[in-house]
Amino acid sequence: MSISPRITNKVIEGLRVQLREAADATPGPQWMSQMDVIRELQDEISSLQAKGFPLKAITEILAKRGVQMTPAKLSTYLSRVRQEKSKTL
């Protein structure tokens, strides 16, 4: 890779700093996996289940906010989250 003779290492380093500052100033959205979403919402989901909400109704609520999954997948994720919690206790 050749660098133009008019651009010095000092200029390149200055550009690096500016680009990093711009990236830090405007962070992108924090994307979460479906598993992370369920991990965060596990208490609320368990509360709904205790009140008699079926998993299908809960997945429909999640789908309205862009979290698409089947009741079976939700059940699997909830089991994993509960296992993780039991290991940390």
PDB file of N, CA and C in Angstrom:
ATOM      1  N   MET A   1       0.844  -1.168   0.000  1.00  0.00           N
ATOM      2  CA  MET A   1       0.000   0.000   0.000  1.00  0.00           C
ATOM      3  C   MET A   1       0.889   1.230   0.000  1.00  0.00           C
ATOM      4  N   SER A   2       0.668   2.116  -0.914  1.00  0.00           N
ATOM      5  CA  SER A   2       1.476   3.332  -0.959  1.00  0.00           C
ATOM      6  C   SER A   2       0.695   4.494  -0.368  1.00  0.00           C
ATOM      7  N   ILE A   3       1.415   5.343   0.308  1.00  0.00           N
ATOM      8  CA  ILE A   3       0.819   6.526   0.918  1.00  0.00           C
ATOM      9  C   ILE A   3       1.294   7.737   0.140  1.00  0.00           C
ATOM     10  N   SER A   4       0.378   8.622  -0.096  1.00  0.00           N
ATOM     11  CA  SER A   4       0.723   9.849  -0.803  1.00  0.00           C
ATOM     12  C   SER A   4       1.816  10.574  -0.030  1.00  0.00           C
ATOM     13  N   PRO A   5       2.801  11.133  -0.726  1.00  0.00           N
ATOM     14  CA  PRO A   5       3.883  11.825  -0.034  1.00  0.00           C
ATOM     15  C   PRO A   5       3.387  13.039   0.765  1.00  0.00           C
ATOM     16  N   ARG A   6       2.196  13.508   0.480  1.00  0.00           N
ATOM     17  CA  ARG A   6       1.677  14.672   1.198  1.00  0.00           C
ATOM     18  C   ARG A   6       1.016  14.288   2.519  1.00  0.00           C
ATOM     19  N   ILE A   7       0.778  13.011   2.728  1.00  0.00           N
ATOM     20  CA  ILE A   7       0.132  12.574   3.965  1.00  0.00           C
ATOM     21  C   ILE A   7       1.190  11.943   4.863  1.00  0.00           C
ATOM     22  N   THR A   8       1.363  12.530   6.023  1.00  0.00           N
ATOM     23  CA  THR A   8       2.377  12.037   6.954  1.00  0.00           C
ATOM     24  C   THR A   8       1.740  11.101   7.977  1.00  0.00           C
ATOM     25  N   ASN A   9       2.598  10.408   8.702  1.00  0.00           N
ATOM     26  CA  ASN A   9       2.104   9.535   9.770  1.00  0.00           C
ATOM     27  C   ASN A   9       1.345  10.337  10.822  1.00  0.00           C
ATOM     28  N   LYS A  10       1.779  11.570  11.053  1.00  0.00           N
ATOM     29  CA  LYS A  10       1.100  12.427  12.025  1.00  0.00           C
ATOM     30  C   LYS A  10      -0.333  12.719  11.568  1.00  0.00           C
ATOM     31  N   VAL A  11      -0.517  12.953  10.279  1.00  0.00           N
ATOM     32  CA  VAL A  11      -1.847  13.202   9.732  1.00  0.00           C
ATOM     33  C   VAL A  11      -2.706  11.947   9.873  1.00  0.00           C
ATOM     34  N   ILE A  12      -2.128  10.804   9.555  1.00  0.00           N
ATOM     35  CA  ILE A  12      -2.853   9.537   9.672  1.00  0.00           C
ATOM     36  C   ILE A  12      -3.287   9.315  11.120  1.00  0.00           C
ATOM     37  N   GLU A  13      -2.379   9.552  12.055  1.00  0.00           N
ATOM     38  CA  GLU A  13      -2.722   9.369  13.465  1.00  0.00           C
ATOM     39  C   GLU A  13      -3.822  10.338  13.887  1.00  0.00           C
ATOM     40  N   GLY A  14      -3.776  11.552  13.405  1.00  0.00           N
ATOM     41  CA  GLY A  14      -4.831  12.521  13.697  1.00  0.00           C
ATOM     42  C   GLY A  14      -6.177  12.063  13.155  1.00  0.00           C
ATOM     43  N   LEU A  15      -6.167  11.500  11.956  1.00  0.00           N
ATOM     44  CA  LEU A  15      -7.402  10.971  11.375  1.00  0.00           C
ATOM     45  C   LEU A  15      -7.943   9.807  12.199  1.00  0.00           C
ATOM     46  N   ARG A  16      -7.046   8.943  12.655  1.00  0.00           N
ATOM     47  CA  ARG A  16      -7.464   7.818  13.502  1.00  0.00           C
ATOM     48  C   ARG A  16      -8.188   8.319  14.751  1.00  0.00           C
ATOM     49  N   VAL A  17      -7.585   9.311  15.391  1.00  0.00           N
ATOM     50  CA  VAL A  17      -8.178   9.867  16.613  1.00  0.00           C
ATOM     51  C   VAL A  17      -9.548  10.456  16.317  1.00  0.00           C
ATOM     52  N   GLN A  18      -9.666  11.209  15.245  1.00  0.00           N
ATOM     53  CA  GLN A  18     -10.945  11.825  14.891  1.00  0.00           C
ATOM     54  C   GLN A  18     -12.010  10.775  14.581  1.00  0.00           C
ATOM     55  N   LEU A  19     -11.637   9.736  13.863  1.00  0.00           N
ATOM     56  CA  LEU A  19     -12.594   8.680  13.532  1.00  0.00           C
ATOM     57  C   LEU A  19     -13.050   7.935  14.783  1.00  0.00           C
ATOM     58  N   ARG A  20     -12.129   7.663  15.694  1.00  0.00           N
ATOM     59  CA  ARG A  20     -12.504   6.990  16.942  1.00  0.00           C
ATOM     60  C   ARG A  20     -13.428   7.868  17.779  1.00  0.00           C
ATOM     61  N   GLU A  21     -13.119   9.161  17.847  1.00  0.00           N
ATOM     62  CA  GLU A  21     -13.970  10.083  18.603  1.00  0.00           C
ATOM     63  C   GLU A  21     -15.372  10.144  18.000  1.00  0.00           C
ATOM     64  N   ALA A  22     -15.446  10.154  16.679  1.00  0.00           N
ATOM     65  CA  ALA A  22     -16.754  10.195  16.016  1.00  0.00           C
ATOM     66  C   ALA A  22     -17.543   8.924  16.317  1.00  0.00           C
ATOM     67  N   ALA A  23     -16.862   7.796  16.306  1.00  0.00           N
ATOM     68  CA  ALA A  23     -17.534   6.522  16.596  1.00  0.00           C
ATOM     69  C   ALA A  23     -18.018   6.487  18.042  1.00  0.00           C
ATOM     70  N   ASP A  24     -17.211   7.007  18.964  1.00  0.00           N
ATOM     71  CA  ASP A  24     -17.607   7.026  20.372  1.00  0.00           C
ATOM     72  C   ASP A  24     -18.759   7.987  20.626  1.00  0.00           C
ATOM     73  N   ALA A  25     -18.789   9.083  19.878  1.00  0.00           N
ATOM     74  CA  ALA A  25     -19.828  10.100  20.076  1.00  0.00           C
ATOM     75  C   ALA A  25     -21.189   9.636  19.570  1.00  0.00           C
ATOM     76  N   THR A  26     -21.199   8.751  18.591  1.00  0.00           N
ATOM     77  CA  THR A  26     -22.462   8.277  18.022  1.00  0.00           C
ATOM     78  C   THR A  26     -22.478   6.754  18.019  1.00  0.00           C
ATOM     79  N   PRO A  27     -22.653   6.172  19.211  1.00  0.00           N
ATOM     80  CA  PRO A  27     -22.655   4.706  19.246  1.00  0.00           C
ATOM     81  C   PRO A  27     -23.857   4.135  18.517  1.00  0.00           C
ATOM     82  N   GLY A  28     -23.636   3.008  17.900  1.00  0.00           N
ATOM     83  CA  GLY A  28     -24.721   2.321  17.206  1.00  0.00           C
ATOM     84  C   GLY A  28     -25.644   1.665  18.207  1.00  0.00           C
ATOM     85  N   PRO A  29     -26.713   1.103  17.723  1.00  0.00           N
ATOM     86  CA  PRO A  29     -27.649   0.434  18.631  1.00  0.00           C
ATOM     87  C   PRO A  29     -26.997  -0.788  19.264  1.00  0.00           C
ATOM     88  N   GLN A  30     -27.365  -1.053  20.480  1.00  0.00           N
ATOM     89  CA  GLN A  30     -26.843  -2.213  21.188  1.00  0.00           C
ATOM     90  C   GLN A  30     -27.737  -3.409  20.870  1.00  0.00           C
ATOM     91  N   TRP A  31     -27.288  -4.254  19.984  1.00  0.00           N
ATOM     92  CA  TRP A  31     -28.075  -5.413  19.575  1.00  0.00           C
ATOM     93  C   TRP A  31     -27.904  -6.523  20.588  1.00  0.00           C
ATOM     94  N   MET A  32     -28.992  -7.184  20.872  1.00  0.00           N
ATOM     95  CA  MET A  32     -28.973  -8.303  21.802  1.00  0.00           C
ATOM     96  C   MET A  32     -29.475  -9.549  21.080  1.00  0.00           C
ATOM     97  N   SER A  33     -28.953 -10.675  21.493  1.00  0.00           N
ATOM     98  CA  SER A  33     -29.466 -11.930  20.948  1.00  0.00           C
ATOM     99  C   SER A  33     -30.821 -12.223  21.593  1.00  0.00           C
ATOM    100  N   GLN A  34     -31.561 -13.139  20.998  1.00  0.00           N
ATOM    101  CA  GLN A  34     -32.842 -13.529  21.588  1.00  0.00           C
ATOM    102  C   GLN A  34     -32.634 -14.082  22.999  1.00  0.00           C
ATOM    103  N   MET A  35     -31.575 -14.838  23.173  1.00  0.00           N
ATOM    104  CA  MET A  35     -31.279 -15.405  24.493  1.00  0.00           C
ATOM    105  C   MET A  35     -31.030 -14.291  25.506  1.00  0.00           C
ATOM    106  N   ASP A  36     -30.295 -13.255  25.105  1.00  0.00           N
ATOM    107  CA  ASP A  36     -30.044 -12.122  25.998  1.00  0.00           C
ATOM    108  C   ASP A  36     -31.342 -11.409  26.371  1.00  0.00           C
ATOM    109  N   VAL A  37     -32.241 -11.273  25.401  1.00  0.00           N
ATOM    110  CA  VAL A  37     -33.537 -10.632  25.663  1.00  0.00           C
ATOM    111  C   VAL A  37     -34.302 -11.435  26.712  1.00  0.00           C
ATOM    112  N   ILE A  38     -34.355 -12.741  26.541  1.00  0.00           N
ATOM    113  CA  ILE A  38     -35.083 -13.590  27.490  1.00  0.00           C
ATOM    114  C   ILE A  38     -34.403 -13.554  28.855  1.00  0.00           C
ATOM    115  N   ARG A  39     -33.079 -13.525  28.859  1.00  0.00           N
ATOM    116  CA  ARG A  39     -32.337 -13.436  30.120  1.00  0.00           C
ATOM    117  C   ARG A  39     -32.737 -12.159  30.876  1.00  0.00           C
ATOM    118  N   GLU A  40     -32.853 -11.055  30.145  1.00  0.00           N
ATOM    119  CA  GLU A  40     -33.230  -9.776  30.755  1.00  0.00           C
ATOM    120  C   GLU A  40     -34.684  -9.760  31.222  1.00  0.00           C
ATOM    121  N   LEU A  41     -35.558 -10.442  30.502  1.00  0.00           N
ATOM    122  CA  LEU A  41     -36.997 -10.388  30.783  1.00  0.00           C
ATOM    123  C   LEU A  41     -37.522 -11.608  31.536  1.00  0.00           C
ATOM    124  N   GLN A  42     -36.639 -12.460  31.982  1.00  0.00           N
ATOM    125  CA  GLN A  42     -37.048 -13.730  32.583  1.00  0.00           C
ATOM    126  C   GLN A  42     -37.989 -13.544  33.763  1.00  0.00           C
ATOM    127  N   ASP A  43     -37.726 -12.590  34.636  1.00  0.00           N
ATOM    128  CA  ASP A  43     -38.599 -12.380  35.798  1.00  0.00           C
ATOM    129  C   ASP A  43     -40.005 -11.968  35.370  1.00  0.00           C
ATOM    130  N   GLU A  44     -40.080 -11.064  34.389  1.00  0.00           N
ATOM    131  CA  GLU A  44     -41.382 -10.607  33.908  1.00  0.00           C
ATOM    132  C   GLU A  44     -42.151 -11.731  33.219  1.00  0.00           C
ATOM    133  N   ILE A  45     -41.428 -12.536  32.443  1.00  0.00           N
ATOM    134  CA  ILE A  45     -42.066 -13.661  31.750  1.00  0.00           C
ATOM    135  C   ILE A  45     -42.570 -14.682  32.768  1.00  0.00           C
ATOM    136  N   SER A  46     -41.754 -14.969  33.771  1.00  0.00           N
ATOM    137  CA  SER A  46     -42.171 -15.917  34.812  1.00  0.00           C
ATOM    138  C   SER A  46     -43.397 -15.404  35.554  1.00  0.00           C
ATOM    139  N   SER A  47     -43.443 -14.101  35.786  1.00  0.00           N
ATOM    140  CA  SER A  47     -44.596 -13.502  36.451  1.00  0.00           C
ATOM    141  C   SER A  47     -45.865 -13.679  35.615  1.00  0.00           C
ATOM    142  N   LEU A  48     -45.743 -13.466  34.306  1.00  0.00           N
ATOM    143  CA  LEU A  48     -46.895 -13.666  33.421  1.00  0.00           C
ATOM    144  C   LEU A  48     -47.339 -15.126  33.417  1.00  0.00           C
ATOM    145  N   GLN A  49     -46.370 -16.032  33.386  1.00  0.00           N
ATOM    146  CA  GLN A  49     -46.708 -17.456  33.410  1.00  0.00           C
ATOM    147  C   GLN A  49     -47.440 -17.816  34.704  1.00  0.00           C
ATOM    148  N   ALA A  50     -46.993 -17.250  35.815  1.00  0.00           N
ATOM    149  CA  ALA A  50     -47.637 -17.524  37.102  1.00  0.00           C
ATOM    150  C   ALA A  50     -49.081 -17.025  37.119  1.00  0.00           C
ATOM    151  N   LYS A  51     -49.362 -16.014  36.310  1.00  0.00           N
ATOM    152  CA  LYS A  51     -50.724 -15.473  36.222  1.00  0.00           C
ATOM    153  C   LYS A  51     -51.564 -16.206  35.180  1.00  0.00           C
ATOM    154  N   GLY A  52     -50.985 -17.241  34.567  1.00  0.00           N
ATOM    155  CA  GLY A  52     -51.743 -18.056  33.629  1.00  0.00           C
ATOM    156  C   GLY A  52     -51.570 -17.718  32.162  1.00  0.00           C
ATOM    157  N   PHE A  53     -50.652 -16.801  31.830  1.00  0.00           N
ATOM    158  CA  PHE A  53     -50.416 -16.489  30.422  1.00  0.00           C
ATOM    159  C   PHE A  53     -49.714 -17.664  29.755  1.00  0.00           C
ATOM    160  N   PRO A  54     -50.234 -18.166  28.634  1.00  0.00           N
ATOM    161  CA  PRO A  54     -49.533 -19.232  27.910  1.00  0.00           C
ATOM    162  C   PRO A  54     -48.329 -18.653  27.153  1.00  0.00           C
ATOM    163  N   LEU A  55     -47.380 -19.521  26.855  1.00  0.00           N
ATOM    164  CA  LEU A  55     -46.189 -19.073  26.127  1.00  0.00           C
ATOM    165  C   LEU A  55     -46.549 -18.443  24.785  1.00  0.00           C
ATOM    166  N   LYS A  56     -47.585 -18.947  24.140  1.00  0.00           N
ATOM    167  CA  LYS A  56     -47.996 -18.380  22.850  1.00  0.00           C
ATOM    168  C   LYS A  56     -48.357 -16.905  23.000  1.00  0.00           C
ATOM    169  N   ALA A  57     -49.086 -16.557  24.052  1.00  0.00           N
ATOM    170  CA  ALA A  57     -49.459 -15.156  24.280  1.00  0.00           C
ATOM    171  C   ALA A  57     -48.219 -14.307  24.557  1.00  0.00           C
ATOM    172  N   ILE A  58     -47.263 -14.865  25.283  1.00  0.00           N
ATOM    173  CA  ILE A  58     -46.033 -14.129  25.587  1.00  0.00           C
ATOM    174  C   ILE A  58     -45.211 -13.917  24.319  1.00  0.00           C
ATOM    175  N   THR A  59     -45.127 -14.945  23.466  1.00  0.00           N
ATOM    176  CA  THR A  59     -44.373 -14.771  22.213  1.00  0.00           C
ATOM    177  C   THR A  59     -45.049 -13.750  21.306  1.00  0.00           C
ATOM    178  N   GLU A  60     -46.358 -13.658  21.369  1.00  0.00           N
ATOM    179  CA  GLU A  60     -47.063 -12.643  20.573  1.00  0.00           C
ATOM    180  C   GLU A  60     -46.725 -11.237  21.068  1.00  0.00           C
ATOM    181  N   ILE A  61     -46.623 -11.068  22.380  1.00  0.00           N
ATOM    182  CA  ILE A  61     -46.222  -9.780  22.944  1.00  0.00           C
ATOM    183  C   ILE A  61     -44.806  -9.435  22.490  1.00  0.00           C
ATOM    184  N   LEU A  62     -43.902 -10.404  22.580  1.00  0.00           N
ATOM    185  CA  LEU A  62     -42.516 -10.182  22.152  1.00  0.00           C
ATOM    186  C   LEU A  62     -42.448  -9.847  20.665  1.00  0.00           C
ATOM    187  N   ALA A  63     -43.246 -10.534  19.857  1.00  0.00           N
ATOM    188  CA  ALA A  63     -43.227 -10.327  18.405  1.00  0.00           C
ATOM    189  C   ALA A  63     -43.638  -8.903  18.041  1.00  0.00           C
ATOM    190  N   LYS A  64     -44.535  -8.319  18.817  1.00  0.00           N
ATOM    191  CA  LYS A  64     -44.954  -6.940  18.544  1.00  0.00           C
ATOM    192  C   LYS A  64     -43.797  -5.959  18.683  1.00  0.00           C
ATOM    193  N   ARG A  65     -42.765  -6.354  19.438  1.00  0.00           N
ATOM    194  CA  ARG A  65     -41.584  -5.515  19.611  1.00  0.00           C
ATOM    195  C   ARG A  65     -40.385  -6.021  18.814  1.00  0.00           C
ATOM    196  N   GLY A  66     -40.638  -6.945  17.891  1.00  0.00           N
ATOM    197  CA  GLY A  66     -39.574  -7.387  16.993  1.00  0.00           C
ATOM    198  C   GLY A  66     -38.798  -8.610  17.428  1.00  0.00           C
ATOM    199  N   VAL A  67     -39.212  -9.256  18.497  1.00  0.00           N
ATOM    200  CA  VAL A  67     -38.524 -10.466  18.962  1.00  0.00           C
ATOM    201  C   VAL A  67     -39.377 -11.659  18.550  1.00  0.00           C
ATOM    202  N   GLN A  68     -39.035 -12.238  17.401  1.00  0.00           N
ATOM    203  CA  GLN A  68     -39.805 -13.343  16.824  1.00  0.00           C
ATOM    204  C   GLN A  68     -39.245 -14.680  17.297  1.00  0.00           C
ATOM    205  N   MET A  69     -40.102 -15.486  17.907  1.00  0.00           N
ATOM    206  CA  MET A  69     -39.710 -16.846  18.272  1.00  0.00           C
ATOM    207  C   MET A  69     -40.960 -17.671  18.531  1.00  0.00           C
ATOM    208  N   THR A  70     -40.788 -18.956  18.469  1.00  0.00           N
ATOM    209  CA  THR A  70     -41.906 -19.864  18.730  1.00  0.00           C
ATOM    210  C   THR A  70     -42.031 -20.083  20.241  1.00  0.00           C
ATOM    211  N   PRO A  71     -43.194 -20.531  20.693  1.00  0.00           N
ATOM    212  CA  PRO A  71     -43.327 -20.876  22.113  1.00  0.00           C
ATOM    213  C   PRO A  71     -42.306 -21.943  22.545  1.00  0.00           C
ATOM    214  N   ALA A  72     -42.017 -22.891  21.660  1.00  0.00           N
ATOM    215  CA  ALA A  72     -41.030 -23.932  21.990  1.00  0.00           C
ATOM    216  C   ALA A  72     -39.646 -23.325  22.205  1.00  0.00           C
ATOM    217  N   LYS A  73     -39.267 -22.386  21.348  1.00  0.00           N
ATOM    218  CA  LYS A  73     -37.962 -21.728  21.483  1.00  0.00           C
ATOM    219  C   LYS A  73     -37.915 -20.917  22.776  1.00  0.00           C
ATOM    220  N   LEU A  74     -39.005 -20.208  23.083  1.00  0.00           N
ATOM    221  CA  LEU A  74     -39.068 -19.443  24.332  1.00  0.00           C
ATOM    222  C   LEU A  74     -38.918 -20.378  25.530  1.00  0.00           C
ATOM    223  N   SER A  75     -39.586 -21.500  25.486  1.00  0.00           N
ATOM    224  CA  SER A  75     -39.485 -22.476  26.568  1.00  0.00           C
ATOM    225  C   SER A  75     -38.046 -22.954  26.742  1.00  0.00           C
ATOM    226  N   THR A  76     -37.376 -23.222  25.637  1.00  0.00           N
ATOM    227  CA  THR A  76     -35.974 -23.652  25.681  1.00  0.00           C
ATOM    228  C   THR A  76     -35.099 -22.575  26.299  1.00  0.00           C
ATOM    229  N   TYR A  77     -35.266 -21.339  25.857  1.00  0.00           N
ATOM    230  CA  TYR A  77     -34.471 -20.230  26.395  1.00  0.00           C
ATOM    231  C   TYR A  77     -34.725 -20.041  27.890  1.00  0.00           C
ATOM    232  N   LEU A  78     -35.994 -20.124  28.296  1.00  0.00           N
ATOM    233  CA  LEU A  78     -36.316 -19.976  29.718  1.00  0.00           C
ATOM    234  C   LEU A  78     -35.649 -21.071  30.543  1.00  0.00           C
ATOM    235  N   SER A  79     -35.643 -22.290  30.034  1.00  0.00           N
ATOM    236  CA  SER A  79     -34.983 -23.398  30.738  1.00  0.00           C
ATOM    237  C   SER A  79     -33.497 -23.127  30.891  1.00  0.00           C
ATOM    238  N   ARG A  80     -32.876 -22.653  29.826  1.00  0.00           N
ATOM    239  CA  ARG A  80     -31.436 -22.351  29.881  1.00  0.00           C
ATOM    240  C   ARG A  80     -31.142 -21.243  30.887  1.00  0.00           C
ATOM    241  N   VAL A  81     -31.968 -20.201  30.870  1.00  0.00           N
ATOM    242  CA  VAL A  81     -31.763 -19.082  31.792  1.00  0.00           C
ATOM    243  C   VAL A  81     -31.923 -19.554  33.233  1.00  0.00           C
ATOM    244  N   ARG A  82     -32.917 -20.375  33.482  1.00  0.00           N
ATOM    245  CA  ARG A  82     -33.133 -20.893  34.839  1.00  0.00           C
ATOM    246  C   ARG A  82     -31.971 -21.782  35.279  1.00  0.00           C
ATOM    247  N   GLN A  83     -31.429 -22.570  34.349  1.00  0.00           N
ATOM    248  CA  GLN A  83     -30.262 -23.395  34.670  1.00  0.00           C
ATOM    249  C   GLN A  83     -29.063 -22.520  34.998  1.00  0.00           C
ATOM    250  N   GLU A  84     -28.866 -21.450  34.216  1.00  0.00           N
ATOM    251  CA  GLU A  84     -27.760 -20.522  34.482  1.00  0.00           C
ATOM    252  C   GLU A  84     -27.902 -19.915  35.876  1.00  0.00           C
ATOM    253  N   LYS A  85     -29.115 -19.496  36.211  1.00  0.00           N
ATOM    254  CA  LYS A  85     -29.354 -18.882  37.525  1.00  0.00           C
ATOM    255  C   LYS A  85     -29.088 -19.871  38.648  1.00  0.00           C
ATOM    256  N   SER A  86     -29.512 -21.115  38.470  1.00  0.00           N
ATOM    257  CA  SER A  86     -29.323 -22.105  39.533  1.00  0.00           C
ATOM    258  C   SER A  86     -27.840 -22.416  39.737  1.00  0.00           C
ATOM    259  N   LYS A  87     -27.043 -22.310  38.690  1.00  0.00           N
ATOM    260  CA  LYS A  87     -25.604 -22.565  38.806  1.00  0.00           C
ATOM    261  C   LYS A  87     -24.893 -21.439  39.546  1.00  0.00           C
ATOM    262  N   THR A  88     -25.432 -20.222  39.464  1.00  0.00           N
ATOM    263  CA  THR A  88     -24.776 -19.084  40.109  1.00  0.00           C
ATOM    264  C   THR A  88     -25.201 -18.906  41.560  1.00  0.00           C
ATOM    265  N   LEU A  89     -26.221 -19.627  41.980  1.00  0.00           N
ATOM    266  CA  LEU A  89     -26.692 -19.493  43.372  1.00  0.00           C
ATOM    267  C   LEU A  89     -25.911 -20.353  44.315  1.00  0.00           C
TER     268      LEU A  89
END
